[in-house]
Amino acid sequence: MKFRKFVAPGEEQEPDPAIAYATASRKRVRERDASAVRLRMQGFTYAQIAAELKFGSSTHCQSRVAAALNEVVREPARELLELELRRLDEMFLPVYARAIEGGGPKAIQSCLHIMERRAKLLGLDKPTKIATTTPDGEALPPPVLDLTTLTEEELTTLEQLLNKSSRAAAPPPAKPSTE
Protein backbone atom coordinates (compact mmCIF):
# COMPACT_ATOMS: atom_id res chain seq x y z
CA MET A 1 0.00 0.00 0.00
CA LYS A 2 1.30 3.44 -0.87
CA PHE A 3 1.00 6.11 1.81
CA ARG A 4 0.81 9.81 1.07
CA LYS A 5 3.17 12.25 2.65
CA PHE A 6 1.68 14.22 5.55
CA VAL A 7 0.84 17.78 4.52
CA ALA A 8 0.68 20.38 7.27
CA PRO A 9 -2.12 22.96 7.15
CA GLY A 10 -1.22 25.81 4.81
CA GLU A 11 1.21 23.71 2.73
CA GLU A 12 0.39 22.67 -0.80
CA GLN A 13 -0.06 19.01 -1.53
CA GLU A 14 1.59 17.58 -4.62
CA PRO A 15 -0.99 16.47 -7.17
CA ASP A 16 -1.37 12.70 -7.51
CA PRO A 17 -0.01 11.79 -10.97
CA ALA A 18 -2.45 8.87 -11.32
CA ILE A 19 -5.45 11.16 -10.78
CA ALA A 20 -4.03 13.76 -13.15
CA TYR A 21 -3.49 11.10 -15.83
CA ALA A 22 -7.00 9.65 -15.41
CA THR A 23 -8.56 13.12 -15.63
CA ALA A 24 -6.59 13.97 -18.78
CA SER A 25 -7.49 10.59 -20.28
CA ARG A 26 -11.24 11.13 -19.66
CA LYS A 27 -10.95 14.58 -21.23
CA ARG A 28 -9.31 13.12 -24.36
CA VAL A 29 -12.05 10.48 -24.63
CA ARG A 30 -14.79 13.13 -24.34
CA GLU A 31 -13.10 15.29 -26.98
CA ARG A 32 -12.75 12.33 -29.37
CA ASP A 33 -16.40 11.36 -28.80
CA ALA A 34 -17.48 14.95 -29.53
CA SER A 35 -15.40 14.95 -32.72
CA ALA A 36 -17.03 11.67 -33.75
CA VAL A 37 -20.50 13.13 -33.21
CA ARG A 38 -19.60 16.21 -35.30
CA LEU A 39 -18.28 14.04 -38.13
CA ARG A 40 -21.36 11.83 -38.00
CA MET A 41 -23.59 14.90 -38.20
CA GLN A 42 -21.63 15.96 -41.28
CA GLY A 43 -22.57 12.67 -42.93
CA PHE A 44 -19.43 10.57 -42.49
CA THR A 45 -19.90 6.81 -42.04
CA TYR A 46 -18.87 5.09 -38.82
CA ALA A 47 -16.07 3.31 -40.73
CA GLN A 48 -14.73 6.64 -41.99
CA ILE A 49 -14.93 8.19 -38.52
CA ALA A 50 -13.27 5.12 -36.94
CA ALA A 51 -10.38 5.37 -39.40
CA GLU A 52 -10.00 9.14 -38.97
CA LEU A 53 -10.14 9.18 -35.15
CA LYS A 54 -8.33 5.85 -34.62
CA PHE A 55 -11.23 3.90 -33.09
CA GLY A 56 -10.64 0.15 -32.98
CA SER A 57 -13.64 -0.58 -35.18
CA SER A 58 -16.69 1.05 -36.72
CA THR A 59 -18.83 -0.75 -34.10
CA HIS A 60 -16.81 0.80 -31.27
CA CYS A 61 -17.12 4.19 -32.98
CA GLN A 62 -20.90 3.75 -33.28
CA SER A 63 -21.24 2.86 -29.58
CA ARG A 64 -19.16 5.91 -28.54
CA VAL A 65 -21.29 8.21 -30.73
CA ALA A 66 -24.47 6.73 -29.21
CA ALA A 67 -23.08 7.17 -25.69
CA ALA A 68 -22.12 10.79 -26.40
CA LEU A 69 -25.56 11.55 -27.80
CA ASN A 70 -27.23 9.91 -24.79
CA GLU A 71 -25.18 12.11 -22.47
CA VAL A 72 -26.22 15.20 -24.43
CA VAL A 73 -29.87 14.27 -23.86
CA ARG A 74 -29.43 13.07 -20.27
CA GLU A 75 -27.89 16.28 -18.89
CA PRO A 76 -30.78 18.59 -19.86
CA ALA A 77 -33.23 15.97 -18.60
CA ARG A 78 -31.43 15.96 -15.22
CA GLU A 79 -31.57 19.76 -15.09
CA LEU A 80 -35.28 19.73 -15.96
CA LEU A 81 -35.97 17.20 -13.20
CA GLU A 82 -34.12 19.38 -10.67
CA LEU A 83 -36.11 22.43 -11.82
CA GLU A 84 -39.43 20.60 -11.47
CA LEU A 85 -38.49 19.34 -8.01
CA ARG A 86 -37.56 22.88 -6.89
CA ARG A 87 -40.91 24.16 -8.18
CA LEU A 88 -42.75 21.45 -6.26
CA ASP A 89 -40.79 22.33 -3.11
CA GLU A 90 -41.71 26.00 -3.47
CA MET A 91 -45.38 25.11 -3.90
CA PHE A 92 -45.35 22.59 -1.08
CA LEU A 93 -43.97 24.74 1.74
CA PRO A 94 -46.81 27.32 1.99
CA VAL A 95 -49.51 24.71 1.40
CA TYR A 96 -48.00 22.43 4.04
CA ALA A 97 -47.89 25.30 6.54
CA ARG A 98 -51.61 25.90 5.92
CA ALA A 99 -52.40 22.18 6.23
CA ILE A 100 -50.72 21.76 9.62
CA GLU A 101 -52.31 24.94 10.93
CA GLY A 102 -55.78 23.52 10.35
CA GLY A 103 -56.22 24.66 6.76
CA GLY A 104 -58.78 21.97 6.14
CA PRO A 105 -59.21 19.16 3.65
CA LYS A 106 -58.36 21.29 0.61
CA ALA A 107 -54.87 22.16 1.94
CA ILE A 108 -54.27 18.54 2.93
CA GLN A 109 -55.39 17.34 -0.50
CA SER A 110 -53.07 19.86 -2.18
CA CYS A 111 -50.14 18.61 -0.07
CA LEU A 112 -50.89 15.02 -0.97
CA HIS A 113 -51.16 15.88 -4.66
CA ILE A 114 -47.76 17.65 -4.64
CA MET A 115 -46.22 14.72 -2.73
CA GLU A 116 -47.67 12.24 -5.25
CA ARG A 117 -46.25 14.23 -8.15
CA ARG A 118 -42.82 14.37 -6.48
CA ALA A 119 -42.85 10.62 -5.83
CA LYS A 120 -43.84 9.97 -9.45
CA LEU A 121 -41.02 12.18 -10.78
CA LEU A 122 -38.49 10.40 -8.57
CA GLY A 123 -39.87 6.93 -9.39
CA LEU A 124 -40.59 6.16 -5.74
CA ASP A 125 -43.96 4.50 -6.27
CA LYS A 126 -44.36 0.78 -6.82
CA PRO A 127 -45.06 0.06 -10.51
CA THR A 128 -48.72 -0.30 -11.40
CA LYS A 129 -49.68 -3.76 -12.61
CA ILE A 130 -51.46 -3.59 -15.95
CA ALA A 131 -53.61 -6.43 -17.27
CA THR A 132 -54.44 -6.86 -20.94
CA THR A 133 -58.17 -6.38 -21.48
CA THR A 134 -60.69 -5.79 -24.22
CA PRO A 135 -61.69 -2.18 -25.05
CA ASP A 136 -64.65 -2.70 -22.67
CA GLY A 137 -62.29 -3.55 -19.79
CA GLU A 138 -63.17 -7.26 -19.78
CA ALA A 139 -60.50 -9.94 -19.37
CA LEU A 140 -59.27 -11.39 -22.64
CA PRO A 141 -60.42 -14.95 -23.35
CA PRO A 142 -57.69 -17.57 -23.51
CA PRO A 143 -56.31 -18.10 -27.00
CA VAL A 144 -58.04 -20.78 -29.06
CA LEU A 145 -55.65 -23.37 -30.43
CA ASP A 146 -56.55 -24.76 -33.86
CA LEU A 147 -55.10 -28.25 -33.77
CA THR A 148 -56.77 -29.26 -37.03
CA THR A 149 -53.82 -27.90 -39.01
CA LEU A 150 -51.35 -30.28 -37.30
CA THR A 151 -50.25 -33.57 -38.84
CA GLU A 152 -50.59 -36.89 -36.96
CA GLU A 153 -46.87 -36.81 -36.23
CA GLU A 154 -47.07 -33.25 -34.84
CA LEU A 155 -50.09 -34.22 -32.70
CA THR A 156 -48.20 -37.21 -31.30
CA THR A 157 -45.19 -35.01 -30.50
CA LEU A 158 -47.46 -32.42 -28.85
CA GLU A 159 -49.14 -35.11 -26.75
CA GLN A 160 -45.73 -36.44 -25.63
CA LEU A 161 -44.60 -32.93 -24.68
CA LEU A 162 -47.79 -32.26 -22.73
CA ASN A 163 -47.45 -35.58 -20.87
CA LYS A 164 -43.81 -34.83 -20.10
CA SER A 165 -44.58 -31.33 -18.81
CA SER A 166 -47.49 -32.54 -16.66
CA ARG A 167 -45.24 -35.22 -15.12
CA ALA A 168 -42.61 -32.57 -14.34
CA ALA A 169 -45.22 -30.33 -12.71
CA ALA A 170 -46.82 -33.14 -10.65
CA PRO A 171 -45.57 -33.61 -7.10
CA PRO A 172 -43.35 -36.66 -6.52
CA PRO A 173 -45.17 -39.76 -5.29
CA ALA A 174 -45.33 -40.14 -1.51
CA LYS A 175 -42.82 -42.57 -0.01
CA PRO A 176 -44.32 -45.46 1.94
CA SER A 177 -44.10 -45.13 5.68
CA THR A 178 -41.52 -47.36 7.42
CA GLU A 179 -43.25 -47.37 10.80
C-alpha atoms as a PDB file:
ATOM      1  CA  MET A   1       0.000   0.000   0.000  1.00  0.00           C
ATOM      2  CA  LYS A   2       1.303   3.444  -0.869  1.00  0.00           C
ATOM      3  CA  PHE A   3       1.000   6.114   1.810  1.00  0.00           C
ATOM      4  CA  ARG A   4       0.810   9.813   1.069  1.00  0.00           C
ATOM      5  CA  LYS A   5       3.171  12.253   2.647  1.00  0.00           C
ATOM      6  CA  PHE A   6       1.684  14.223   5.553  1.00  0.00           C
ATOM      7  CA  VAL A   7       0.837  17.779   4.522  1.00  0.00           C
ATOM      8  CA  ALA A   8       0.677  20.382   7.267  1.00  0.00           C
ATOM      9  CA  PRO A   9      -2.123  22.960   7.150  1.00  0.00           C
ATOM     10  CA  GLY A  10      -1.219  25.805   4.812  1.00  0.00           C
ATOM     11  CA  GLU A  11       1.210  23.705   2.735  1.00  0.00           C
ATOM     12  CA  GLU A  12       0.387  22.672  -0.801  1.00  0.00           C
ATOM     13  CA  GLN A  13      -0.056  19.009  -1.530  1.00  0.00           C
ATOM     14  CA  GLU A  14       1.591  17.577  -4.618  1.00  0.00           C
ATOM     15  CA  PRO A  15      -0.989  16.466  -7.166  1.00  0.00           C
ATOM     16  CA  ASP A  16      -1.372  12.704  -7.507  1.00  0.00           C
ATOM     17  CA  PRO A  17      -0.013  11.787 -10.975  1.00  0.00           C
ATOM     18  CA  ALA A  18      -2.451   8.873 -11.318  1.00  0.00           C
ATOM     19  CA  ILE A  19      -5.450  11.164 -10.775  1.00  0.00           C
ATOM     20  CA  ALA A  20      -4.029  13.763 -13.152  1.00  0.00           C
ATOM     21  CA  TYR A  21      -3.486  11.097 -15.826  1.00  0.00           C
ATOM     22  CA  ALA A  22      -6.998   9.646 -15.414  1.00  0.00           C
ATOM     23  CA  THR A  23      -8.555  13.123 -15.627  1.00  0.00           C
ATOM     24  CA  ALA A  24      -6.587  13.966 -18.775  1.00  0.00           C
ATOM     25  CA  SER A  25      -7.491  10.590 -20.278  1.00  0.00           C
ATOM     26  CA  ARG A  26     -11.243  11.134 -19.665  1.00  0.00           C
ATOM     27  CA  LYS A  27     -10.952  14.584 -21.234  1.00  0.00           C
ATOM     28  CA  ARG A  28      -9.311  13.125 -24.365  1.00  0.00           C
ATOM     29  CA  VAL A  29     -12.053  10.478 -24.630  1.00  0.00           C
ATOM     30  CA  ARG A  30     -14.794  13.131 -24.343  1.00  0.00           C
ATOM     31  CA  GLU A  31     -13.098  15.287 -26.981  1.00  0.00           C
ATOM     32  CA  ARG A  32     -12.750  12.331 -29.369  1.00  0.00           C
ATOM     33  CA  ASP A  33     -16.403  11.361 -28.796  1.00  0.00           C
ATOM     34  CA  ALA A  34     -17.481  14.949 -29.528  1.00  0.00           C
ATOM     35  CA  SER A  35     -15.402  14.947 -32.722  1.00  0.00           C
ATOM     36  CA  ALA A  36     -17.031  11.665 -33.746  1.00  0.00           C
ATOM     37  CA  VAL A  37     -20.502  13.128 -33.214  1.00  0.00           C
ATOM     38  CA  ARG A  38     -19.598  16.206 -35.299  1.00  0.00           C
ATOM     39  CA  LEU A  39     -18.278  14.037 -38.132  1.00  0.00           C
ATOM     40  CA  ARG A  40     -21.357  11.826 -38.004  1.00  0.00           C
ATOM     41  CA  MET A  41     -23.591  14.899 -38.196  1.00  0.00           C
ATOM     42  CA  GLN A  42     -21.627  15.958 -41.277  1.00  0.00           C
ATOM     43  CA  GLY A  43     -22.569  12.667 -42.934  1.00  0.00           C
ATOM     44  CA  PHE A  44     -19.429  10.569 -42.491  1.00  0.00           C
ATOM     45  CA  THR A  45     -19.903   6.809 -42.043  1.00  0.00           C
ATOM     46  CA  TYR A  46     -18.871   5.094 -38.821  1.00  0.00           C
ATOM     47  CA  ALA A  47     -16.075   3.311 -40.727  1.00  0.00           C
ATOM     48  CA  GLN A  48     -14.729   6.642 -41.994  1.00  0.00           C
ATOM     49  CA  ILE A  49     -14.930   8.189 -38.519  1.00  0.00           C
ATOM     50  CA  ALA A  50     -13.269   5.122 -36.940  1.00  0.00           C
ATOM     51  CA  ALA A  51     -10.378   5.373 -39.398  1.00  0.00           C
ATOM     52  CA  GLU A  52     -10.002   9.140 -38.969  1.00  0.00           C
ATOM     53  CA  LEU A  53     -10.139   9.180 -35.152  1.00  0.00           C
ATOM     54  CA  LYS A  54      -8.333   5.853 -34.622  1.00  0.00           C
ATOM     55  CA  PHE A  55     -11.228   3.901 -33.088  1.00  0.00           C
ATOM     56  CA  GLY A  56     -10.640   0.155 -32.979  1.00  0.00           C
ATOM     57  CA  SER A  57     -13.643  -0.582 -35.184  1.00  0.00           C
ATOM     58  CA  SER A  58     -16.695   1.048 -36.720  1.00  0.00           C
ATOM     59  CA  THR A  59     -18.834  -0.754 -34.104  1.00  0.00           C
ATOM     60  CA  HIS A  60     -16.813   0.799 -31.270  1.00  0.00           C
ATOM     61  CA  CYS A  61     -17.123   4.187 -32.979  1.00  0.00           C
ATOM     62  CA  GLN A  62     -20.902   3.746 -33.275  1.00  0.00           C
ATOM     63  CA  SER A  63     -21.241   2.856 -29.581  1.00  0.00           C
ATOM     64  CA  ARG A  64     -19.159   5.906 -28.536  1.00  0.00           C
ATOM     65  CA  VAL A  65     -21.294   8.208 -30.735  1.00  0.00           C
ATOM     66  CA  ALA A  66     -24.466   6.730 -29.214  1.00  0.00           C
ATOM     67  CA  ALA A  67     -23.081   7.170 -25.687  1.00  0.00           C
ATOM     68  CA  ALA A  68     -22.119  10.785 -26.397  1.00  0.00           C
ATOM     69  CA  LEU A  69     -25.563  11.555 -27.800  1.00  0.00           C
ATOM     70  CA  ASN A  70     -27.234   9.909 -24.792  1.00  0.00           C
ATOM     71  CA  GLU A  71     -25.183  12.108 -22.472  1.00  0.00           C
ATOM     72  CA  VAL A  72     -26.223  15.202 -24.431  1.00  0.00           C
ATOM     73  CA  VAL A  73     -29.872  14.265 -23.863  1.00  0.00           C
ATOM     74  CA  ARG A  74     -29.432  13.066 -20.270  1.00  0.00           C
ATOM     75  CA  GLU A  75     -27.886  16.280 -18.889  1.00  0.00           C
ATOM     76  CA  PRO A  76     -30.783  18.593 -19.865  1.00  0.00           C
ATOM     77  CA  ALA A  77     -33.231  15.973 -18.599  1.00  0.00           C
ATOM     78  CA  ARG A  78     -31.432  15.961 -15.223  1.00  0.00           C
ATOM     79  CA  GLU A  79     -31.570  19.761 -15.094  1.00  0.00           C
ATOM     80  CA  LEU A  80     -35.280  19.732 -15.961  1.00  0.00           C
ATOM     81  CA  LEU A  81     -35.970  17.200 -13.197  1.00  0.00           C
ATOM     82  CA  GLU A  82     -34.124  19.382 -10.667  1.00  0.00           C
ATOM     83  CA  LEU A  83     -36.107  22.434 -11.824  1.00  0.00           C
ATOM     84  CA  GLU A  84     -39.427  20.603 -11.474  1.00  0.00           C
ATOM     85  CA  LEU A  85     -38.489  19.344  -8.007  1.00  0.00           C
ATOM     86  CA  ARG A  86     -37.559  22.877  -6.888  1.00  0.00           C
ATOM     87  CA  ARG A  87     -40.907  24.159  -8.176  1.00  0.00           C
ATOM     88  CA  LEU A  88     -42.752  21.454  -6.265  1.00  0.00           C
ATOM     89  CA  ASP A  89     -40.791  22.326  -3.111  1.00  0.00           C
ATOM     90  CA  GLU A  90     -41.708  26.001  -3.465  1.00  0.00           C
ATOM     91  CA  MET A  91     -45.381  25.114  -3.897  1.00  0.00           C
ATOM     92  CA  PHE A  92     -45.353  22.591  -1.079  1.00  0.00           C
ATOM     93  CA  LEU A  93     -43.972  24.745   1.736  1.00  0.00           C
ATOM     94  CA  PRO A  94     -46.811  27.317   1.995  1.00  0.00           C
ATOM     95  CA  VAL A  95     -49.510  24.711   1.399  1.00  0.00           C
ATOM     96  CA  TYR A  96     -47.997  22.433   4.042  1.00  0.00           C
ATOM     97  CA  ALA A  97     -47.891  25.303   6.539  1.00  0.00           C
ATOM     98  CA  ARG A  98     -51.610  25.899   5.920  1.00  0.00           C
ATOM     99  CA  ALA A  99     -52.397  22.184   6.226  1.00  0.00           C
ATOM    100  CA  ILE A 100     -50.717  21.756   9.615  1.00  0.00           C
ATOM    101  CA  GLU A 101     -52.308  24.945  10.925  1.00  0.00           C
ATOM    102  CA  GLY A 102     -55.775  23.518  10.352  1.00  0.00           C
ATOM    103  CA  GLY A 103     -56.222  24.661   6.761  1.00  0.00           C
ATOM    104  CA  GLY A 104     -58.778  21.971   6.142  1.00  0.00           C
ATOM    105  CA  PRO A 105     -59.211  19.156   3.654  1.00  0.00           C
ATOM    106  CA  LYS A 106     -58.355  21.290   0.605  1.00  0.00           C
ATOM    107  CA  ALA A 107     -54.871  22.155   1.939  1.00  0.00           C
ATOM    108  CA  ILE A 108     -54.266  18.537   2.929  1.00  0.00           C
ATOM    109  CA  GLN A 109     -55.390  17.337  -0.501  1.00  0.00           C
ATOM    110  CA  SER A 110     -53.069  19.857  -2.176  1.00  0.00           C
ATOM    111  CA  CYS A 111     -50.144  18.607  -0.066  1.00  0.00           C
ATOM    112  CA  LEU A 112     -50.889  15.015  -0.971  1.00  0.00           C
ATOM    113  CA  HIS A 113     -51.165  15.884  -4.661  1.00  0.00           C
ATOM    114  CA  ILE A 114     -47.763  17.645  -4.636  1.00  0.00           C
ATOM    115  CA  MET A 115     -46.224  14.717  -2.731  1.00  0.00           C
ATOM    116  CA  GLU A 116     -47.671  12.239  -5.252  1.00  0.00           C
ATOM    117  CA  ARG A 117     -46.248  14.233  -8.147  1.00  0.00           C
ATOM    118  CA  ARG A 118     -42.824  14.369  -6.484  1.00  0.00           C
ATOM    119  CA  ALA A 119     -42.849  10.623  -5.826  1.00  0.00           C
ATOM    120  CA  LYS A 120     -43.838   9.971  -9.446  1.00  0.00           C
ATOM    121  CA  LEU A 121     -41.016  12.176 -10.782  1.00  0.00           C
ATOM    122  CA  LEU A 122     -38.487  10.402  -8.574  1.00  0.00           C
ATOM    123  CA  GLY A 123     -39.869   6.931  -9.390  1.00  0.00           C
ATOM    124  CA  LEU A 124     -40.594   6.156  -5.742  1.00  0.00           C
ATOM    125  CA  ASP A 125     -43.965   4.497  -6.274  1.00  0.00           C
ATOM    126  CA  LYS A 126     -44.360   0.780  -6.819  1.00  0.00           C
ATOM    127  CA  PRO A 127     -45.064   0.057 -10.510  1.00  0.00           C
ATOM    128  CA  THR A 128     -48.724  -0.298 -11.402  1.00  0.00           C
ATOM    129  CA  LYS A 129     -49.681  -3.763 -12.614  1.00  0.00           C
ATOM    130  CA  ILE A 130     -51.459  -3.595 -15.953  1.00  0.00           C
ATOM    131  CA  ALA A 131     -53.611  -6.431 -17.274  1.00  0.00           C
ATOM    132  CA  THR A 132     -54.439  -6.862 -20.940  1.00  0.00           C
ATOM    133  CA  THR A 133     -58.173  -6.375 -21.484  1.00  0.00           C
ATOM    134  CA  THR A 134     -60.691  -5.788 -24.223  1.00  0.00           C
ATOM    135  CA  PRO A 135     -61.691  -2.184 -25.049  1.00  0.00           C
ATOM    136  CA  ASP A 136     -64.650  -2.697 -22.668  1.00  0.00           C
ATOM    137  CA  GLY A 137     -62.293  -3.555 -19.793  1.00  0.00           C
ATOM    138  CA  GLU A 138     -63.169  -7.265 -19.780  1.00  0.00           C
ATOM    139  CA  ALA A 139     -60.503  -9.941 -19.366  1.00  0.00           C
ATOM    140  CA  LEU A 140     -59.271 -11.391 -22.635  1.00  0.00           C
ATOM    141  CA  PRO A 141     -60.421 -14.946 -23.351  1.00  0.00           C
ATOM    142  CA  PRO A 142     -57.692 -17.567 -23.513  1.00  0.00           C
ATOM    143  CA  PRO A 143     -56.310 -18.098 -27.005  1.00  0.00           C
ATOM    144  CA  VAL A 144     -58.039 -20.776 -29.061  1.00  0.00           C
ATOM    145  CA  LEU A 145     -55.650 -23.367 -30.435  1.00  0.00           C
ATOM    146  CA  ASP A 146     -56.554 -24.763 -33.861  1.00  0.00           C
ATOM    147  CA  LEU A 147     -55.098 -28.245 -33.766  1.00  0.00           C
ATOM    148  CA  THR A 148     -56.770 -29.265 -37.033  1.00  0.00           C
ATOM    149  CA  THR A 149     -53.819 -27.904 -39.007  1.00  0.00           C
ATOM    150  CA  LEU A 150     -51.346 -30.280 -37.299  1.00  0.00           C
ATOM    151  CA  THR A 151     -50.253 -33.574 -38.836  1.00  0.00           C
ATOM    152  CA  GLU A 152     -50.595 -36.887 -36.960  1.00  0.00           C
ATOM    153  CA  GLU A 153     -46.866 -36.811 -36.231  1.00  0.00           C
ATOM    154  CA  GLU A 154     -47.074 -33.251 -34.837  1.00  0.00           C
ATOM    155  CA  LEU A 155     -50.093 -34.215 -32.696  1.00  0.00           C
ATOM    156  CA  THR A 156     -48.196 -37.206 -31.305  1.00  0.00           C
ATOM    157  CA  THR A 157     -45.191 -35.010 -30.498  1.00  0.00           C
ATOM    158  CA  LEU A 158     -47.463 -32.419 -28.850  1.00  0.00           C
ATOM    159  CA  GLU A 159     -49.136 -35.115 -26.750  1.00  0.00           C
ATOM    160  CA  GLN A 160     -45.732 -36.438 -25.634  1.00  0.00           C
ATOM    161  CA  LEU A 161     -44.597 -32.930 -24.680  1.00  0.00           C
ATOM    162  CA  LEU A 162     -47.792 -32.265 -22.727  1.00  0.00           C
ATOM    163  CA  ASN A 163     -47.447 -35.576 -20.874  1.00  0.00           C
ATOM    164  CA  LYS A 164     -43.810 -34.830 -20.105  1.00  0.00           C
ATOM    165  CA  SER A 165     -44.581 -31.334 -18.811  1.00  0.00           C
ATOM    166  CA  SER A 166     -47.488 -32.541 -16.665  1.00  0.00           C
ATOM    167  CA  ARG A 167     -45.244 -35.220 -15.120  1.00  0.00           C
ATOM    168  CA  ALA A 168     -42.611 -32.570 -14.344  1.00  0.00           C
ATOM    169  CA  ALA A 169     -45.223 -30.332 -12.711  1.00  0.00           C
ATOM    170  CA  ALA A 170     -46.818 -33.144 -10.652  1.00  0.00           C
ATOM    171  CA  PRO A 171     -45.565 -33.607  -7.095  1.00  0.00           C
ATOM    172  CA  PRO A 172     -43.354 -36.663  -6.523  1.00  0.00           C
ATOM    173  CA  PRO A 173     -45.172 -39.760  -5.291  1.00  0.00           C
ATOM    174  CA  ALA A 174     -45.325 -40.144  -1.512  1.00  0.00           C
ATOM    175  CA  LYS A 175     -42.823 -42.573  -0.007  1.00  0.00           C
ATOM    176  CA  PRO A 176     -44.319 -45.463   1.941  1.00  0.00           C
ATOM    177  CA  SER A 177     -44.100 -45.134   5.677  1.00  0.00           C
ATOM    178  CA  THR A 178     -41.524 -47.361   7.415  1.00  0.00           C
ATOM    179  CA  GLU A 179     -43.253 -47.371  10.799  1.00  0.00           C
END
